[in-house]
Amino acid sequence: MGPRRCLLLLPLLAVALRAQQQQFMEYVERRLTLLEERISQWHDQSSRYSTELRDFKNQVLGMLEAAEKEREAMRSEAESAAVRVDRLEREVDYLETQNPAPPCVEVDETLMEKQVATAKQRKNEKYTKLTDCSHTIASVRAMKILKRFGSSSGLWTKDAAGNSEKIYVFDGTGNDTVYVFPRMREFTLFSATRKAARIKLPYPWVGTGHLVYDGHLYYIRQQGPFQVIKFNLANKTVVDSSVFPAEEQIPVFGLSPFTYIEVAADEEGLWAIYATKEDEKNICLAKLDPTSLDIEQMWDTPCPRENAEGAFVVCGALHVVYNTRLPSRSRVQCVFDVSGTLAPEDASLVYFPKRYGSHSSMKYNPRERQIYAWDDGYQIIYRMEMKKKLEV
């Protein structure tokens, strides 16, 4: 091919190249247009999804608000039901503890004089024991603090003779309502008195010298002469009463000015611990008949009232617990055995662990051989270690 022919082909090649370039540009434009359409579709779908998500979120928030309102309504109904149940329990307790009209308790002065004369005839005589009890306290084996309940002074106890597991609580030193818990567990776990039954007594009590013994409550009447009331816990009635035959009584314990008579129980039965103006320095002891409340025998003990905070009887021996005005360790510092088998110098000097203040009550339970104590509002159990009197 000659040079002339090559010159003729050059324009044709240029036209072909321009045609290819044009096709390529059109292809690129089509691809860009398609990409733009897909981006627009993705944007539309994303916008739609965002709108649906926002609507779903609003729907969920609405459902949560409705659920919260229903929860508040249910909680309000539950609180209202609890209030109604509490009111119903109080009404049931009130109906269960209602007492009949208190009987008219009259004092037979002639009978009282005979009782005093008989008791004084046997005063300070050696006591003839009713049982073969021959043990005494050696030491405090263990101490358990149950809880803190009520006032700084009070009394809590079990039945000292029966098999009942009920806990009886006397809050304060002057009241007319006794709280009764069915078992130790309920008393320990619940801080309020809603779980406790209430016994309203016909006469208010005074002090912390009361006793639950063989299904009966023996307590000291607050008004008038110092009168021991025997109250049947089953039928809520007064069974008997007796004016204590001691003139011008004074508080029996120097550190517990609210207690004039301490009714105690041991293996021998019922006792009364008291003090009179006639011998105001020392504590007196009397043996009671639990059936008739007659005083069987009386003793003047060598145990002083000063700095005494409580006392209890174990196997016919009076144990007086002493402290100081500034609270320290409580201790049994005076023992008086009515049968004469335990000399004071042979008795163990028993110390109680130092706790909060001084004991306002100490109740010995002969069945369990432990003491239920009330120390500045704390309820404490002391488990006692016992020994034979001849081994002390």
Protein backbone atom coordinates (compact mmCIF):
# COMPACT_ATOMS: atom_id res chain seq x y z
CA MET A 1 0.00 0.00 0.00
CA GLY A 2 1.37 3.34 -1.04
CA PRO A 3 1.59 6.59 0.94
CA ARG A 4 -1.36 8.03 -0.85
CA ARG A 5 -3.66 5.26 0.32
CA CYS A 6 -2.56 5.66 3.93
CA LEU A 7 -3.47 9.28 3.83
CA LEU A 8 -6.96 8.34 2.65
CA LEU A 9 -7.48 5.89 5.58
CA LEU A 10 -6.56 8.35 8.33
CA PRO A 11 -9.89 10.27 8.23
CA LEU A 12 -11.78 7.01 8.39
CA LEU A 13 -9.86 5.89 11.47
CA ALA A 14 -10.49 9.22 13.17
CA VAL A 15 -14.24 8.90 12.56
CA ALA A 16 -14.22 5.36 13.98
CA LEU A 17 -12.37 6.49 17.16
CA ARG A 18 -14.83 9.34 17.73
CA ALA A 19 -17.74 6.89 17.36
CA GLN A 20 -16.22 4.55 19.98
CA GLN A 21 -15.60 7.43 22.38
CA GLN A 22 -19.19 8.53 22.00
CA GLN A 23 -20.46 5.02 22.75
CA PHE A 24 -18.20 4.77 25.80
CA MET A 25 -19.43 8.09 27.17
CA GLU A 26 -23.05 7.02 26.64
CA TYR A 27 -22.35 3.76 28.48
CA VAL A 28 -20.78 5.60 31.42
CA GLU A 29 -23.73 8.00 31.56
CA ARG A 30 -26.20 5.08 31.58
CA ARG A 31 -24.28 3.42 34.43
CA LEU A 32 -24.17 6.65 36.44
CA THR A 33 -27.91 7.16 35.87
CA LEU A 34 -28.63 3.61 37.08
CA LEU A 35 -26.40 4.17 40.13
CA GLU A 36 -28.21 7.40 40.93
CA GLU A 37 -31.55 5.60 40.66
CA ARG A 38 -30.37 2.90 43.08
CA ILE A 39 -29.04 5.52 45.51
CA SER A 40 -32.39 7.28 45.34
CA GLN A 41 -34.22 3.98 46.02
CA TRP A 42 -31.91 3.24 48.97
CA HIS A 43 -32.55 6.72 50.35
CA ASP A 44 -36.31 6.26 50.00
CA GLN A 45 -36.17 2.85 51.70
CA SER A 46 -33.94 4.19 54.49
CA SER A 47 -36.34 7.06 55.07
CA ARG A 48 -39.28 4.64 55.14
CA TYR A 49 -37.48 2.30 57.58
CA SER A 50 -36.59 5.26 59.81
CA THR A 51 -40.23 6.35 59.84
CA GLU A 52 -41.40 2.81 60.68
CA LEU A 53 -38.80 2.54 63.45
CA ARG A 54 -39.91 5.87 64.92
CA ASP A 55 -43.55 4.75 64.79
CA PHE A 56 -42.63 1.44 66.47
CA LYS A 57 -40.68 3.30 69.15
CA ASN A 58 -43.66 5.55 69.84
CA GLN A 59 -45.92 2.50 70.01
CA VAL A 60 -43.59 0.76 72.51
CA LEU A 61 -43.39 3.92 74.64
CA GLY A 62 -47.16 4.08 74.69
CA MET A 63 -47.39 0.44 75.75
CA LEU A 64 -44.78 1.05 78.51
CA GLU A 65 -46.72 4.05 79.79
CA ALA A 66 -49.91 1.99 79.84
CA ALA A 67 -48.11 -0.84 81.68
CA GLU A 68 -46.72 1.64 84.24
CA LYS A 69 -50.19 3.03 84.85
CA GLU A 70 -51.56 -0.49 85.32
CA ARG A 71 -48.69 -1.31 87.72
CA GLU A 72 -49.42 1.82 89.76
CA ALA A 73 -53.10 0.93 89.84
CA MET A 74 -52.31 -2.64 90.97
CA ARG A 75 -49.92 -1.35 93.65
CA SER A 76 -52.56 1.07 94.88
CA GLU A 77 -55.09 -1.76 95.04
CA ALA A 78 -52.58 -3.99 96.89
CA GLU A 79 -51.88 -1.24 99.44
CA SER A 80 -55.59 -0.69 99.89
CA ALA A 81 -56.09 -4.44 100.36
CA ALA A 82 -53.24 -4.54 102.92
CA VAL A 83 -54.85 -1.68 104.84
CA ARG A 84 -58.19 -3.50 104.83
CA VAL A 85 -56.52 -6.76 105.94
CA ASP A 86 -54.70 -4.94 108.73
CA ARG A 87 -57.94 -3.31 109.85
CA LEU A 88 -59.68 -6.70 109.71
CA GLU A 89 -56.89 -8.31 111.80
CA ARG A 90 -57.19 -5.55 114.39
CA GLU A 91 -60.94 -6.03 114.52
CA VAL A 92 -60.53 -9.80 114.86
CA ASP A 93 -57.94 -9.29 117.61
CA TYR A 94 -60.31 -6.90 119.32
CA LEU A 95 -63.17 -9.40 119.16
CA GLU A 96 -60.91 -12.24 120.34
CA THR A 97 -59.53 -10.31 123.27
CA GLN A 98 -62.70 -8.71 124.51
CA ASN A 99 -63.23 -9.45 128.17
CA PRO A 100 -66.48 -9.61 130.05
CA ALA A 101 -67.20 -6.93 132.57
CA PRO A 102 -64.59 -7.11 135.32
CA PRO A 103 -65.90 -8.78 138.44
CA CYS A 104 -66.32 -6.93 141.64
CA VAL A 105 -63.27 -7.89 143.70
CA GLU A 106 -63.99 -7.36 147.35
CA VAL A 107 -61.48 -7.59 150.13
CA ASP A 108 -62.43 -9.78 153.08
CA GLU A 109 -60.57 -8.02 155.89
CA THR A 110 -61.28 -10.80 158.40
CA LEU A 111 -59.90 -13.45 156.07
CA MET A 112 -56.90 -11.28 155.31
CA GLU A 113 -56.17 -10.85 159.02
CA LYS A 114 -56.32 -14.61 159.50
CA GLN A 115 -53.93 -15.11 156.59
CA VAL A 116 -51.52 -12.57 158.02
CA ALA A 117 -51.68 -14.17 161.49
CA THR A 118 -51.08 -17.66 160.07
CA ALA A 119 -48.20 -16.47 157.91
CA LYS A 120 -46.58 -14.57 160.79
CA GLN A 121 -46.82 -17.61 163.05
CA ARG A 122 -44.68 -19.51 160.55
CA LYS A 123 -42.46 -16.52 159.74
CA ASN A 124 -38.78 -17.36 159.30
CA GLU A 125 -39.38 -21.05 159.99
CA LYS A 126 -37.44 -23.63 158.02
CA TYR A 127 -39.30 -24.55 154.86
CA THR A 128 -40.39 -28.13 154.26
CA LYS A 129 -39.66 -28.81 150.61
CA LEU A 130 -42.36 -30.19 148.33
CA THR A 131 -40.01 -31.67 145.73
CA ASP A 132 -36.63 -33.39 145.63
CA CYS A 133 -35.08 -30.35 143.95
CA SER A 134 -31.45 -30.10 145.05
CA HIS A 135 -29.67 -28.03 142.42
CA THR A 136 -28.54 -24.42 142.31
CA ILE A 137 -27.04 -22.04 139.78
CA ALA A 138 -23.34 -22.47 139.06
CA SER A 139 -22.86 -19.91 136.28
CA VAL A 140 -24.33 -18.31 133.16
CA ARG A 141 -23.65 -20.84 130.41
CA ALA A 142 -24.73 -18.68 127.45
CA MET A 143 -26.45 -15.43 126.59
CA LYS A 144 -28.63 -14.69 123.56
CA ILE A 145 -29.97 -11.25 122.62
CA LEU A 146 -33.26 -11.76 120.78
CA LYS A 147 -34.19 -8.24 119.70
CA ARG A 148 -35.08 -4.75 120.88
CA PHE A 149 -38.76 -4.18 121.45
CA GLY A 150 -40.86 -1.59 123.22
CA SER A 151 -39.94 0.61 126.17
CA SER A 152 -36.72 0.63 128.18
CA SER A 153 -38.54 -1.24 130.99
CA GLY A 154 -40.82 -4.21 130.58
CA LEU A 155 -41.24 -7.95 130.92
CA TRP A 156 -41.33 -10.91 128.55
CA THR A 157 -41.83 -14.51 129.58
CA LYS A 158 -43.25 -17.96 128.87
CA ASP A 159 -45.58 -20.05 130.98
CA ALA A 160 -43.34 -21.27 133.81
CA ALA A 161 -45.40 -24.44 134.43
CA GLY A 162 -47.30 -25.36 131.26
CA ASN A 163 -46.07 -26.63 127.89
CA SER A 164 -47.20 -23.63 125.87
CA GLU A 165 -44.68 -22.00 123.53
CA LYS A 166 -46.46 -18.64 123.62
CA ILE A 167 -44.48 -15.51 124.42
CA TYR A 168 -46.14 -12.94 126.69
CA VAL A 169 -44.88 -9.35 126.49
CA PHE A 170 -45.66 -6.57 129.00
CA ASP A 171 -44.40 -3.33 127.47
CA GLY A 172 -43.69 -0.64 130.07
CA THR A 173 -44.33 -0.46 133.80
CA GLY A 174 -48.00 0.50 133.67
CA ASN A 175 -50.50 -0.65 131.05
CA ASP A 176 -53.53 -2.90 130.53
CA THR A 177 -52.69 -4.70 127.26
CA VAL A 178 -50.54 -7.84 127.01
CA TYR A 179 -49.05 -8.88 123.65
CA VAL A 180 -49.09 -12.63 122.95
CA PHE A 181 -46.91 -14.14 120.22
CA PRO A 182 -47.66 -17.75 119.21
CA ARG A 183 -43.99 -18.85 119.28
CA MET A 184 -40.50 -17.52 119.79
CA ARG A 185 -40.01 -17.35 116.01
CA GLU A 186 -42.81 -14.85 115.48
CA PHE A 187 -41.58 -12.71 118.36
CA THR A 188 -38.02 -12.72 117.02
CA LEU A 189 -38.76 -12.08 113.33
CA PHE A 190 -41.47 -9.45 113.48
CA SER A 191 -40.68 -5.99 114.87
CA ALA A 192 -44.29 -4.81 114.90
CA THR A 193 -47.12 -6.11 117.08
CA ARG A 194 -49.41 -6.88 114.12
CA LYS A 195 -48.58 -10.60 114.41
CA ALA A 196 -49.38 -10.62 118.11
CA ALA A 197 -52.72 -11.18 119.79
CA ARG A 198 -53.74 -8.69 122.44
CA ILE A 199 -55.21 -9.40 125.84
CA LYS A 200 -56.86 -6.43 127.49
CA LEU A 201 -56.80 -6.86 131.25
CA PRO A 202 -59.69 -5.73 133.46
CA TYR A 203 -57.29 -3.67 135.60
CA PRO A 204 -54.00 -2.03 134.56
CA TRP A 205 -50.78 -3.44 135.98
CA VAL A 206 -47.92 -1.74 137.80
CA GLY A 207 -44.23 -2.67 137.73
CA THR A 208 -42.63 -5.70 136.08
CA GLY A 209 -43.21 -8.40 138.69
CA HIS A 210 -45.85 -10.39 136.81
CA LEU A 211 -45.85 -14.11 136.13
CA VAL A 212 -47.51 -16.57 133.72
CA TYR A 213 -47.98 -19.89 135.51
CA ASP A 214 -50.02 -22.93 134.50
CA GLY A 215 -52.36 -21.06 132.15
CA HIS A 216 -52.89 -18.12 134.52
CA LEU A 217 -51.47 -14.63 134.70
CA TYR A 218 -50.54 -13.32 138.14
CA TYR A 219 -50.08 -9.56 138.07
CA ILE A 220 -50.11 -6.58 140.43
CA ARG A 221 -53.06 -4.21 140.14
CA GLN A 222 -52.07 -0.60 139.61
CA GLN A 223 -54.78 1.26 141.53
CA GLY A 224 -55.68 1.00 145.20
CA PRO A 225 -53.88 -1.35 147.59
CA PHE A 226 -51.29 -3.72 146.17
CA GLN A 227 -53.49 -6.51 144.94
CA VAL A 228 -52.37 -9.73 143.23
CA ILE A 229 -54.80 -10.60 140.44
CA LYS A 230 -55.11 -14.18 139.16
CA PHE A 231 -56.30 -14.01 135.55
CA ASN A 232 -57.33 -17.04 133.48
CA LEU A 233 -55.70 -16.71 130.04
CA ALA A 234 -58.07 -19.21 128.39
CA ASN A 235 -61.42 -17.59 129.13
CA LYS A 236 -60.07 -14.08 129.87
CA THR A 237 -61.63 -13.78 133.31
CA VAL A 238 -60.42 -12.93 136.80
CA VAL A 239 -60.30 -16.15 138.83
CA ASP A 240 -59.19 -14.76 142.17
CA SER A 241 -57.42 -11.84 143.83
CA SER A 242 -55.71 -11.14 147.10
CA VAL A 243 -54.57 -8.01 148.85
CA PHE A 244 -50.98 -8.58 149.86
CA PRO A 245 -50.87 -8.53 153.68
CA ALA A 246 -48.00 -6.11 154.15
CA GLU A 247 -48.50 -2.59 155.45
CA GLU A 248 -46.68 0.38 153.93
CA GLN A 249 -45.01 -1.44 151.09
CA ILE A 250 -42.03 0.10 149.36
CA PRO A 251 -40.27 -0.80 146.08
CA VAL A 252 -38.60 -4.16 146.50
CA PHE A 253 -35.54 -3.30 144.37
CA GLY A 254 -33.50 -0.16 144.85
CA LEU A 255 -32.76 0.18 141.11
CA SER A 256 -36.33 -0.67 140.01
CA PRO A 257 -38.59 1.80 141.85
CA PHE A 258 -41.64 0.77 139.82
CA THR A 259 -41.84 -2.83 141.17
CA TYR A 260 -43.42 -3.38 144.60
CA ILE A 261 -44.12 -7.13 144.37
CA GLU A 262 -42.22 -9.65 142.28
CA VAL A 263 -44.20 -12.85 141.67
CA ALA A 264 -41.77 -15.68 140.87
CA ALA A 265 -41.94 -19.40 140.14
CA ASP A 266 -39.51 -22.27 140.61
CA GLU A 267 -39.61 -26.04 141.01
CA GLU A 268 -41.40 -25.59 144.36
CA GLY A 269 -44.22 -23.42 143.05
CA LEU A 270 -45.17 -19.77 143.52
CA TRP A 271 -43.33 -17.07 145.49
CA ALA A 272 -43.72 -13.38 146.24
CA ILE A 273 -40.69 -11.10 146.67
CA TYR A 274 -41.49 -7.80 148.38
CA ALA A 275 -40.35 -5.18 150.89
CA THR A 276 -42.06 -3.28 153.70
CA LYS A 277 -41.47 -0.11 155.66
CA GLU A 278 -41.04 -2.21 158.80
CA ASP A 279 -37.76 -3.60 157.47
CA GLU A 280 -37.02 -1.30 154.58
CA LYS A 281 -33.34 -2.19 154.25
CA ASN A 282 -33.83 -5.86 153.35
CA ILE A 283 -35.96 -7.90 150.96
CA CYS A 284 -38.75 -10.20 152.18
CA LEU A 285 -39.94 -13.49 150.71
CA ALA A 286 -43.28 -15.32 150.91
CA LYS A 287 -44.52 -18.70 149.67
CA LEU A 288 -47.87 -18.47 147.85
CA ASP A 289 -50.57 -21.02 147.19
CA PRO A 290 -51.12 -20.76 143.41
CA THR A 291 -54.73 -21.93 143.74
CA SER A 292 -56.02 -19.66 146.50
CA LEU A 293 -53.26 -17.02 146.60
CA ASP A 294 -52.95 -17.64 150.34
CA ILE A 295 -49.61 -16.83 151.94
CA GLU A 296 -48.26 -20.08 153.36
CA GLN A 297 -45.07 -18.77 154.96
CA MET A 298 -42.96 -15.58 155.16
CA TRP A 299 -39.24 -14.87 155.64
CA ASP A 300 -37.08 -11.85 156.36
CA THR A 301 -33.97 -12.29 154.23
CA PRO A 302 -30.52 -10.78 154.78
CA CYS A 303 -30.47 -9.50 151.16
CA PRO A 304 -30.38 -5.67 151.03
CA ARG A 305 -32.64 -3.63 148.77
CA GLU A 306 -29.94 -1.08 147.93
CA ASN A 307 -28.55 -1.50 144.40
CA ALA A 308 -30.80 -4.54 143.80
CA GLU A 309 -32.24 -4.62 140.28
CA GLY A 310 -34.05 -7.97 140.24
CA ALA A 311 -34.48 -11.35 141.88
CA PHE A 312 -35.67 -14.87 141.14
CA VAL A 313 -36.09 -18.15 143.01
CA VAL A 314 -34.37 -21.41 142.06
CA CYS A 315 -35.12 -24.63 143.94
CA GLY A 316 -36.36 -22.74 147.01
CA ALA A 317 -33.43 -20.31 147.11
CA LEU A 318 -33.85 -16.59 146.56
CA HIS A 319 -31.19 -15.10 144.25
CA VAL A 320 -30.95 -11.29 144.32
CA VAL A 321 -29.21 -9.56 141.40
CA TYR A 322 -27.29 -6.34 142.08
CA ASN A 323 -25.89 -3.56 139.91
CA THR A 324 -24.88 0.07 140.46
CA ARG A 325 -26.44 3.41 139.66
CA LEU A 326 -23.90 3.70 136.86
CA PRO A 327 -24.58 0.45 134.95
CA SER A 328 -21.91 -2.23 135.25
CA ARG A 329 -21.92 -6.04 135.36
CA SER A 330 -24.99 -7.49 137.04
CA ARG A 331 -24.26 -10.17 139.61
CA VAL A 332 -26.00 -12.46 142.07
CA GLN A 333 -24.57 -11.22 145.33
CA CYS A 334 -27.06 -12.55 147.89
CA VAL A 335 -28.63 -16.03 148.10
CA PHE A 336 -31.17 -17.05 150.74
CA ASP A 337 -32.25 -20.71 150.85
CA VAL A 338 -35.51 -21.20 152.77
CA SER A 339 -34.77 -24.89 153.38
CA GLY A 340 -31.37 -24.17 154.89
CA THR A 341 -29.56 -26.69 152.68
CA LEU A 342 -27.47 -24.03 150.93
CA ALA A 343 -25.40 -21.73 153.09
CA PRO A 344 -24.88 -18.20 151.66
CA GLU A 345 -21.10 -18.59 151.73
CA ASP A 346 -21.36 -21.80 149.67
CA ALA A 347 -23.39 -20.25 146.85
CA SER A 348 -21.69 -19.40 143.55
CA LEU A 349 -21.16 -15.72 142.78
CA VAL A 350 -22.94 -15.56 139.40
CA TYR A 351 -22.09 -12.74 136.98
CA PHE A 352 -24.26 -11.67 134.05
CA PRO A 353 -22.43 -10.21 131.01
CA LYS A 354 -22.34 -6.43 130.89
CA ARG A 355 -24.82 -5.16 128.36
CA TYR A 356 -26.81 -1.93 128.05
CA GLY A 357 -28.13 -0.74 131.41
CA SER A 358 -29.78 -2.66 134.21
CA HIS A 359 -32.41 -5.39 134.13
CA SER A 360 -35.97 -4.20 134.67
CA SER A 361 -37.14 -7.83 134.90
CA MET A 362 -35.57 -11.30 135.19
CA LYS A 363 -37.91 -14.31 134.99
CA TYR A 364 -36.55 -17.77 135.76
CA ASN A 365 -38.21 -20.63 133.86
CA PRO A 366 -37.78 -23.89 135.84
CA ARG A 367 -38.74 -26.05 132.85
CA GLU A 368 -36.04 -24.63 130.61
CA ARG A 369 -33.59 -23.57 133.33
CA GLN A 370 -33.07 -20.22 131.72
CA ILE A 371 -33.88 -16.59 132.53
CA TYR A 372 -35.91 -14.23 130.34
CA ALA A 373 -34.50 -10.75 130.95
CA TRP A 374 -35.41 -7.22 129.79
CA ASP A 375 -32.36 -4.94 129.65
CA ASP A 376 -33.00 -1.33 128.54
CA GLY A 377 -35.45 -2.45 125.86
CA TYR A 378 -33.45 -5.51 124.76
CA GLN A 379 -34.91 -8.99 125.28
CA ILE A 380 -32.24 -11.43 126.45
CA ILE A 381 -32.14 -15.14 127.34
CA TYR A 382 -29.61 -16.37 129.89
CA ARG A 383 -29.03 -20.12 129.88
CA MET A 384 -27.95 -21.26 133.31
CA GLU A 385 -25.41 -23.91 134.31
CA MET A 386 -26.69 -25.92 137.28
CA LYS A 387 -24.96 -27.96 139.99
CA LYS A 388 -26.05 -30.00 142.96
CA LYS A 389 -26.17 -27.95 146.13
CA LEU A 390 -23.78 -30.29 147.90
CA GLU A 391 -21.28 -29.95 145.05
CA VAL A 392 -21.10 -26.16 145.16
